[in-house]
Amino acid sequence: LASFEGSINIEGMLISTASQTSAASKTMAEFVT
């Protein structure tokens, strides 16, 4: 399980890394994709 709240990068990947603004305003399906 991710250490950090997930961010979505410009390639559309959900990632877990430091010094990022965590993603929001996405549907559940968009996060899963």
Full PDB file with SEQRES, HELIX, SHEET, SSBOND, CRYST1, ORIGX, SCALE, CONECT and MASTER records, all heavy atoms in Angstrom:
SEQRES   1 A   33  LEU ALA SER PHE GLU GLY SER ILE ASN ILE GLU GLY MET          
SEQRES   2 A   33  LEU ILE SER THR ALA SER GLN THR SER ALA ALA SER LYS          
SEQRES   3 A   33  THR MET ALA GLU PHE VAL THR                                  
HELIX    1 AA1 MET A   28  VAL A   32  1                                   5    
SHEET    1 AA1 2 SER A   7  ILE A   8  0                                        
SHEET    2 AA1 2 LEU A  14  ILE A  15 -1                                        
CRYST1    1.000    1.000    1.000  90.00  90.00  90.00 P 1           1          
ORIGX1      1.000000  0.000000  0.000000        0.00000                         
ORIGX2      0.000000  1.000000  0.000000        0.00000                         
ORIGX3      0.000000  0.000000  1.000000        0.00000                         
SCALE1      1.000000  0.000000  0.000000        0.00000                         
SCALE2      0.000000  1.000000  0.000000        0.00000                         
SCALE3      0.000000  0.000000  1.000000        0.00000                         
ATOM      1  N   LEU A   1       0.857  -1.183   0.000  1.00  0.00           N  
ATOM      2  CA  LEU A   1       0.000   0.000   0.000  1.00  0.00           C  
ATOM      3  C   LEU A   1       0.892   1.231   0.000  1.00  0.00           C  
ATOM      4  O   LEU A   1       1.924   1.267   0.681  1.00  0.00           O  
ATOM      5  CB  LEU A   1      -0.895  -0.003   1.233  1.00  0.00           C  
ATOM      6  CG  LEU A   1      -1.968   1.095   1.312  1.00  0.00           C  
ATOM      7  CD1 LEU A   1      -2.975   0.955   0.166  1.00  0.00           C  
ATOM      8  CD2 LEU A   1      -2.700   1.053   2.650  1.00  0.00           C  
ATOM      9  N   ALA A   2       0.499   2.244  -0.752  1.00  0.00           N  
ATOM     10  CA  ALA A   2       1.338   3.432  -0.939  1.00  0.00           C  
ATOM     11  C   ALA A   2       1.649   4.133   0.372  1.00  0.00           C  
ATOM     12  O   ALA A   2       0.776   4.332   1.214  1.00  0.00           O  
ATOM     13  CB  ALA A   2       0.651   4.399  -1.892  1.00  0.00           C  
ATOM     14  N   SER A   3       2.895   4.547   0.521  1.00  0.00           N  
ATOM     15  CA  SER A   3       3.298   5.335   1.683  1.00  0.00           C  
ATOM     16  C   SER A   3       2.568   6.669   1.711  1.00  0.00           C  
ATOM     17  O   SER A   3       2.247   7.189   2.782  1.00  0.00           O  
ATOM     18  CB  SER A   3       4.806   5.601   1.656  1.00  0.00           C  
ATOM     19  OG  SER A   3       5.540   4.413   1.731  1.00  0.00           O  
ATOM     20  N   PHE A   4       2.312   7.224   0.522  1.00  0.00           N  
ATOM     21  CA  PHE A   4       1.765   8.577   0.418  1.00  0.00           C  
ATOM     22  C   PHE A   4       0.460   8.582  -0.375  1.00  0.00           C  
ATOM     23  O   PHE A   4       0.216   7.704  -1.209  1.00  0.00           O  
ATOM     24  CB  PHE A   4       2.776   9.506  -0.261  1.00  0.00           C  
ATOM     25  CG  PHE A   4       4.140   9.500   0.379  1.00  0.00           C  
ATOM     26  CD1 PHE A   4       5.278   9.292  -0.382  1.00  0.00           C  
ATOM     27  CD2 PHE A   4       4.278   9.696   1.745  1.00  0.00           C  
ATOM     28  CE1 PHE A   4       6.535   9.278   0.209  1.00  0.00           C  
ATOM     29  CE2 PHE A   4       5.529   9.694   2.347  1.00  0.00           C  
ATOM     30  CZ  PHE A   4       6.663   9.475   1.580  1.00  0.00           C  
ATOM     31  N   GLU A   5      -0.364   9.590  -0.127  1.00  0.00           N  
ATOM     32  CA  GLU A   5      -1.538   9.800  -0.966  1.00  0.00           C  
ATOM     33  C   GLU A   5      -1.085   9.902  -2.420  1.00  0.00           C  
ATOM     34  O   GLU A   5      -0.074  10.535  -2.729  1.00  0.00           O  
ATOM     35  CB  GLU A   5      -2.247  11.092  -0.562  1.00  0.00           C  
ATOM     36  CG  GLU A   5      -2.816  11.080   0.847  1.00  0.00           C  
ATOM     37  CD  GLU A   5      -3.302  12.440   1.304  1.00  0.00           C  
ATOM     38  OE1 GLU A   5      -2.901  13.458   0.700  1.00  0.00           O  
ATOM     39  OE2 GLU A   5      -4.064  12.497   2.279  1.00  0.00           O  
ATOM     40  N   GLY A   6      -1.844   9.273  -3.319  1.00  0.00           N  
ATOM     41  CA  GLY A   6      -1.399   9.146  -4.694  1.00  0.00           C  
ATOM     42  C   GLY A   6      -1.475  10.434  -5.506  1.00  0.00           C  
ATOM     43  O   GLY A   6      -2.394  11.233  -5.365  1.00  0.00           O  
ATOM     44  N   SER A   7      -0.481  10.600  -6.375  1.00  0.00           N  
ATOM     45  CA  SER A   7      -0.492  11.664  -7.383  1.00  0.00           C  
ATOM     46  C   SER A   7      -0.691  11.021  -8.749  1.00  0.00           C  
ATOM     47  O   SER A   7      -0.372   9.845  -8.946  1.00  0.00           O  
ATOM     48  CB  SER A   7       0.836  12.427  -7.365  1.00  0.00           C  
ATOM     49  OG  SER A   7       1.110  12.954  -6.087  1.00  0.00           O  
ATOM     50  N   ILE A   8      -1.225  11.755  -9.700  1.00  0.00           N  
ATOM     51  CA  ILE A   8      -1.351  11.274 -11.075  1.00  0.00           C  
ATOM     52  C   ILE A   8      -0.473  12.164 -11.955  1.00  0.00           C  
ATOM     53  O   ILE A   8      -0.672  13.380 -12.024  1.00  0.00           O  
ATOM     54  CB  ILE A   8      -2.808  11.284 -11.557  1.00  0.00           C  
ATOM     55  CG1 ILE A   8      -3.641  10.311 -10.708  1.00  0.00           C  
ATOM     56  CG2 ILE A   8      -2.890  10.900 -13.030  1.00  0.00           C  
ATOM     57  CD1 ILE A   8      -5.105  10.228 -11.102  1.00  0.00           C  
ATOM     58  N   ASN A   9       0.521  11.553 -12.609  1.00  0.00           N  
ATOM     59  CA  ASN A   9       1.468  12.331 -13.403  1.00  0.00           C  
ATOM     60  C   ASN A   9       0.926  12.615 -14.797  1.00  0.00           C  
ATOM     61  O   ASN A   9      -0.196  12.225 -15.149  1.00  0.00           O  
ATOM     62  CB  ASN A   9       2.826  11.626 -13.455  1.00  0.00           C  
ATOM     63  CG  ASN A   9       2.768  10.268 -14.152  1.00  0.00           C  
ATOM     64  OD1 ASN A   9       1.823   9.959 -14.879  1.00  0.00           O  
ATOM     65  ND2 ASN A   9       3.781   9.445 -13.930  1.00  0.00           N  
ATOM     66  N   ILE A  10       1.717  13.268 -15.607  1.00  0.00           N  
ATOM     67  CA  ILE A  10       1.247  13.692 -16.928  1.00  0.00           C  
ATOM     68  C   ILE A  10       1.015  12.509 -17.865  1.00  0.00           C  
ATOM     69  O   ILE A  10       0.302  12.630 -18.856  1.00  0.00           O  
ATOM     70  CB  ILE A  10       2.221  14.695 -17.580  1.00  0.00           C  
ATOM     71  CG1 ILE A  10       3.624  14.083 -17.710  1.00  0.00           C  
ATOM     72  CG2 ILE A  10       2.270  15.997 -16.786  1.00  0.00           C  
ATOM     73  CD1 ILE A  10       4.587  14.975 -18.489  1.00  0.00           C  
ATOM     74  N   GLU A  11       1.612  11.350 -17.541  1.00  0.00           N  
ATOM     75  CA  GLU A  11       1.357  10.144 -18.329  1.00  0.00           C  
ATOM     76  C   GLU A  11       0.091   9.421 -17.869  1.00  0.00           C  
ATOM     77  O   GLU A  11      -0.260   8.365 -18.411  1.00  0.00           O  
ATOM     78  CB  GLU A  11       2.548   9.184 -18.241  1.00  0.00           C  
ATOM     79  CG  GLU A  11       3.782   9.621 -19.002  1.00  0.00           C  
ATOM     80  CD  GLU A  11       4.639  10.581 -18.189  1.00  0.00           C  
ATOM     81  OE1 GLU A  11       4.475  10.615 -16.938  1.00  0.00           O  
ATOM     82  OE2 GLU A  11       5.465  11.291 -18.780  1.00  0.00           O  
ATOM     83  N   GLY A  12      -0.584   9.962 -16.851  1.00  0.00           N  
ATOM     84  CA  GLY A  12      -1.807   9.338 -16.367  1.00  0.00           C  
ATOM     85  C   GLY A  12      -1.581   8.179 -15.432  1.00  0.00           C  
ATOM     86  O   GLY A  12      -2.469   7.340 -15.229  1.00  0.00           O  
ATOM     87  N   MET A  13      -0.418   8.121 -14.760  1.00  0.00           N  
ATOM     88  CA  MET A  13      -0.082   7.034 -13.857  1.00  0.00           C  
ATOM     89  C   MET A  13      -0.297   7.469 -12.413  1.00  0.00           C  
ATOM     90  O   MET A  13       0.107   8.568 -12.030  1.00  0.00           O  
ATOM     91  CB  MET A  13       1.383   6.617 -14.055  1.00  0.00           C  
ATOM     92  CG  MET A  13       1.731   6.232 -15.476  1.00  0.00           C  
ATOM     93  SD  MET A  13       3.527   6.084 -15.717  1.00  0.00           S  
ATOM     94  CE  MET A  13       3.847   4.597 -14.782  1.00  0.00           C  
ATOM     95  N   LEU A  14      -0.923   6.613 -11.619  1.00  0.00           N  
ATOM     96  CA  LEU A  14      -1.042   6.857 -10.185  1.00  0.00           C  
ATOM     97  C   LEU A  14       0.277   6.470  -9.537  1.00  0.00           C  
ATOM     98  O   LEU A  14       0.731   5.328  -9.670  1.00  0.00           O  
ATOM     99  CB  LEU A  14      -2.184   6.043  -9.589  1.00  0.00           C  
ATOM    100  CG  LEU A  14      -2.467   6.264  -8.092  1.00  0.00           C  
ATOM    101  CD1 LEU A  14      -2.904   7.697  -7.816  1.00  0.00           C  
ATOM    102  CD2 LEU A  14      -3.520   5.277  -7.586  1.00  0.00           C  
ATOM    103  N   ILE A  15       0.903   7.412  -8.847  1.00  0.00           N  
ATOM    104  CA  ILE A  15       2.220   7.166  -8.270  1.00  0.00           C  
ATOM    105  C   ILE A  15       2.234   7.564  -6.798  1.00  0.00           C  
ATOM    106  O   ILE A  15       1.394   8.334  -6.334  1.00  0.00           O  
ATOM    107  CB  ILE A  15       3.324   7.940  -9.033  1.00  0.00           C  
ATOM    108  CG1 ILE A  15       3.050   9.448  -9.015  1.00  0.00           C  
ATOM    109  CG2 ILE A  15       3.442   7.430 -10.465  1.00  0.00           C  
ATOM    110  CD1 ILE A  15       4.171  10.291  -9.620  1.00  0.00           C  
ATOM    111  N   SER A  16       3.201   7.027  -6.085  1.00  0.00           N  
ATOM    112  CA  SER A  16       3.408   7.335  -4.679  1.00  0.00           C  
ATOM    113  C   SER A  16       4.843   7.775  -4.496  1.00  0.00           C  
ATOM    114  O   SER A  16       5.766   6.958  -4.544  1.00  0.00           O  
ATOM    115  CB  SER A  16       3.121   6.109  -3.807  1.00  0.00           C  
ATOM    116  OG  SER A  16       3.493   6.357  -2.460  1.00  0.00           O  
ATOM    117  N   THR A  17       5.031   9.066  -4.321  1.00  0.00           N  
ATOM    118  CA  THR A  17       6.367   9.602  -4.151  1.00  0.00           C  
ATOM    119  C   THR A  17       6.301  10.886  -3.351  1.00  0.00           C  
ATOM    120  O   THR A  17       5.225  11.457  -3.162  1.00  0.00           O  
ATOM    121  CB  THR A  17       7.047   9.832  -5.523  1.00  0.00           C  
ATOM    122  OG1 THR A  17       8.418  10.148  -5.338  1.00  0.00           O  
ATOM    123  CG2 THR A  17       6.350  10.942  -6.297  1.00  0.00           C  
ATOM    124  N   ALA A  18       7.448  11.332  -2.873  1.00  0.00           N  
ATOM    125  CA  ALA A  18       7.498  12.523  -2.032  1.00  0.00           C  
ATOM    126  C   ALA A  18       7.485  13.796  -2.867  1.00  0.00           C  
ATOM    127  O   ALA A  18       7.773  13.790  -4.064  1.00  0.00           O  
ATOM    128  CB  ALA A  18       8.749  12.481  -1.160  1.00  0.00           C  
ATOM    129  N   SER A  19       7.127  14.897  -2.185  1.00  0.00           N  
ATOM    130  CA  SER A  19       7.162  16.245  -2.779  1.00  0.00           C  
ATOM    131  C   SER A  19       6.217  16.400  -3.959  1.00  0.00           C  
ATOM    132  O   SER A  19       6.525  17.085  -4.939  1.00  0.00           O  
ATOM    133  CB  SER A  19       8.594  16.614  -3.187  1.00  0.00           C  
ATOM    134  OG  SER A  19       9.449  16.602  -2.064  1.00  0.00           O  
ATOM    135  N   GLN A  20       5.044  15.749  -3.871  1.00  0.00           N  
ATOM    136  CA  GLN A  20       4.027  15.869  -4.904  1.00  0.00           C  
ATOM    137  C   GLN A  20       2.717  16.348  -4.292  1.00  0.00           C  
ATOM    138  O   GLN A  20       2.442  16.120  -3.109  1.00  0.00           O  
ATOM    139  CB  GLN A  20       3.794  14.513  -5.582  1.00  0.00           C  
ATOM    140  CG  GLN A  20       4.997  13.952  -6.298  1.00  0.00           C  
ATOM    141  CD  GLN A  20       5.387  14.762  -7.516  1.00  0.00           C  
ATOM    142  OE1 GLN A  20       4.523  15.135  -8.311  1.00  0.00           O  
ATOM    143  NE2 GLN A  20       6.670  15.040  -7.665  1.00  0.00           N  
ATOM    144  N   THR A  21       1.901  17.023  -5.094  1.00  0.00           N  
ATOM    145  CA  THR A  21       0.546  17.363  -4.684  1.00  0.00           C  
ATOM    146  C   THR A  21      -0.342  16.160  -4.975  1.00  0.00           C  
ATOM    147  O   THR A  21      -0.408  15.703  -6.120  1.00  0.00           O  
ATOM    148  CB  THR A  21       0.029  18.594  -5.446  1.00  0.00           C  
ATOM    149  OG1 THR A  21       0.885  19.705  -5.189  1.00  0.00           O  
ATOM    150  CG2 THR A  21      -1.391  18.921  -5.031  1.00  0.00           C  
ATOM    151  N   SER A  22      -0.983  15.616  -3.962  1.00  0.00           N  
ATOM    152  CA  SER A  22      -1.787  14.416  -4.181  1.00  0.00           C  
ATOM    153  C   SER A  22      -3.006  14.747  -5.037  1.00  0.00           C  
ATOM    154  O   SER A  22      -3.561  15.836  -4.977  1.00  0.00           O  
ATOM    155  CB  SER A  22      -2.212  13.790  -2.854  1.00  0.00           C  
ATOM    156  OG  SER A  22      -2.940  14.701  -2.057  1.00  0.00           O  
ATOM    157  N   ALA A  23      -3.396  13.770  -5.832  1.00  0.00           N  
ATOM    158  CA  ALA A  23      -4.461  13.969  -6.812  1.00  0.00           C  
ATOM    159  C   ALA A  23      -5.833  14.007  -6.159  1.00  0.00           C  
ATOM    160  O   ALA A  23      -6.071  13.383  -5.127  1.00  0.00           O  
ATOM    161  CB  ALA A  23      -4.419  12.861  -7.855  1.00  0.00           C  
ATOM    162  N   ALA A  24      -6.745  14.739  -6.778  1.00  0.00           N  
ATOM    163  CA  ALA A  24      -8.134  14.825  -6.335  1.00  0.00           C  
ATOM    164  C   ALA A  24      -8.989  15.169  -7.546  1.00  0.00           C  
ATOM    165  O   ALA A  24      -8.488  15.260  -8.671  1.00  0.00           O  
ATOM    166  CB  ALA A  24      -8.288  15.874  -5.247  1.00  0.00           C  
ATOM    167  N   SER A  25     -10.284  15.329  -7.315  1.00  0.00           N  
ATOM    168  CA  SER A  25     -11.227  15.672  -8.382  1.00  0.00           C  
ATOM    169  C   SER A  25     -11.178  14.667  -9.531  1.00  0.00           C  
ATOM    170  O   SER A  25     -11.305  15.023 -10.701  1.00  0.00           O  
ATOM    171  CB  SER A  25     -10.966  17.096  -8.892  1.00  0.00           C  
ATOM    172  OG  SER A  25     -11.129  18.029  -7.840  1.00  0.00           O  
ATOM    173  N   LYS A  26     -10.980  13.398  -9.175  1.00  0.00           N  
ATOM    174  CA  LYS A  26     -11.035  12.283 -10.112  1.00  0.00           C  
ATOM    175  C   LYS A  26     -12.058  11.281  -9.602  1.00  0.00           C  
ATOM    176  O   LYS A  26     -12.256  11.138  -8.394  1.00  0.00           O  
ATOM    177  CB  LYS A  26      -9.675  11.581 -10.227  1.00  0.00           C  
ATOM    178  CG  LYS A  26      -8.524  12.472 -10.639  1.00  0.00           C  
ATOM    179  CD  LYS A  26      -8.586  12.816 -12.109  1.00  0.00           C  
ATOM    180  CE  LYS A  26      -7.354  13.612 -12.527  1.00  0.00           C  
ATOM    181  NZ  LYS A  26      -7.429  13.992 -13.969  1.00  0.00           N  
ATOM    182  N   THR A  27     -12.706  10.559 -10.493  1.00  0.00           N  
ATOM    183  CA  THR A  27     -13.625   9.516 -10.061  1.00  0.00           C  
ATOM    184  C   THR A  27     -12.843   8.296  -9.582  1.00  0.00           C  
ATOM    185  O   THR A  27     -11.644   8.155  -9.856  1.00  0.00           O  
ATOM    186  CB  THR A  27     -14.562   9.078 -11.194  1.00  0.00           C  
ATOM    187  OG1 THR A  27     -13.770   8.457 -12.225  1.00  0.00           O  
ATOM    188  CG2 THR A  27     -15.330  10.253 -11.773  1.00  0.00           C  
ATOM    189  N   MET A  28     -13.530   7.427  -8.884  1.00  0.00           N  
ATOM    190  CA  MET A  28     -12.909   6.181  -8.448  1.00  0.00           C  
ATOM    191  C   MET A  28     -12.359   5.399  -9.640  1.00  0.00           C  
ATOM    192  O   MET A  28     -11.240   4.868  -9.605  1.00  0.00           O  
ATOM    193  CB  MET A  28     -13.928   5.349  -7.681  1.00  0.00           C  
ATOM    194  CG  MET A  28     -13.394   4.071  -7.094  1.00  0.00           C  
ATOM    195  SD  MET A  28     -14.684   3.245  -6.116  1.00  0.00           S  
ATOM    196  CE  MET A  28     -13.782   1.811  -5.549  1.00  0.00           C  
ATOM    197  N   ALA A  29     -13.128   5.322 -10.705  1.00  0.00           N  
ATOM    198  CA  ALA A  29     -12.699   4.587 -11.902  1.00  0.00           C  
ATOM    199  C   ALA A  29     -11.443   5.202 -12.506  1.00  0.00           C  
ATOM    200  O   ALA A  29     -10.561   4.471 -12.991  1.00  0.00           O  
ATOM    201  CB  ALA A  29     -13.823   4.562 -12.938  1.00  0.00           C  
ATOM    202  N   GLU A  30     -11.335   6.517 -12.475  1.00  0.00           N  
ATOM    203  CA  GLU A  30     -10.135   7.172 -13.014  1.00  0.00           C  
ATOM    204  C   GLU A  30      -8.909   6.837 -12.174  1.00  0.00           C  
ATOM    205  O   GLU A  30      -7.812   6.612 -12.716  1.00  0.00           O  
ATOM    206  CB  GLU A  30     -10.354   8.681 -13.083  1.00  0.00           C  
ATOM    207  CG  GLU A  30     -11.315   9.110 -14.179  1.00  0.00           C  
ATOM    208  CD  GLU A  30     -11.599  10.606 -14.157  1.00  0.00           C  
ATOM    209  OE1 GLU A  30     -11.870  11.153 -13.066  1.00  0.00           O  
ATOM    210  OE2 GLU A  30     -11.555  11.231 -15.243  1.00  0.00           O  
ATOM    211  N   PHE A  31      -9.066   6.772 -10.850  1.00  0.00           N  
ATOM    212  CA  PHE A  31      -7.944   6.383  -9.991  1.00  0.00           C  
ATOM    213  C   PHE A  31      -7.538   4.935 -10.258  1.00  0.00           C  
ATOM    214  O   PHE A  31      -6.344   4.618 -10.326  1.00  0.00           O  
ATOM    215  CB  PHE A  31      -8.299   6.568  -8.523  1.00  0.00           C  
ATOM    216  CG  PHE A  31      -8.067   7.959  -8.004  1.00  0.00           C  
ATOM    217  CD1 PHE A  31      -9.132   8.780  -7.678  1.00  0.00           C  
ATOM    218  CD2 PHE A  31      -6.783   8.456  -7.834  1.00  0.00           C  
ATOM    219  CE1 PHE A  31      -8.922  10.062  -7.182  1.00  0.00           C  
ATOM    220  CE2 PHE A  31      -6.561   9.739  -7.339  1.00  0.00           C  
ATOM    221  CZ  PHE A  31      -7.633  10.548  -7.013  1.00  0.00           C  
ATOM    222  N   VAL A  32      -8.502   4.043 -10.396  1.00  0.00           N  
ATOM    223  CA  VAL A  32      -8.192   2.637 -10.642  1.00  0.00           C  
ATOM    224  C   VAL A  32      -7.486   2.478 -11.991  1.00  0.00           C  
ATOM    225  O   VAL A  32      -6.492   1.745 -12.103  1.00  0.00           O  
ATOM    226  CB  VAL A  32      -9.471   1.780 -10.583  1.00  0.00           C  
ATOM    227  CG1 VAL A  32      -9.194   0.357 -11.059  1.00  0.00           C  
ATOM    228  CG2 VAL A  32     -10.033   1.765  -9.169  1.00  0.00           C  
ATOM    229  N   THR A  33      -7.977   3.153 -13.011  1.00  0.00           N  
ATOM    230  CA  THR A  33      -7.327   3.099 -14.328  1.00  0.00           C  
ATOM    231  C   THR A  33      -5.891   3.594 -14.252  1.00  0.00           C  
ATOM    232  O   THR A  33      -4.976   2.996 -14.844  1.00  0.00           O  
ATOM    233  CB  THR A  33      -8.120   3.938 -15.341  1.00  0.00           C  
ATOM    234  OG1 THR A  33      -9.426   3.378 -15.494  1.00  0.00           O  
ATOM    235  CG2 THR A  33      -7.429   3.967 -16.697  1.00  0.00           C  
TER     236      THR A  33                                                      
MASTER        0    0    0    1    2    0    0    6  235    1    0    3          
END                                                                             
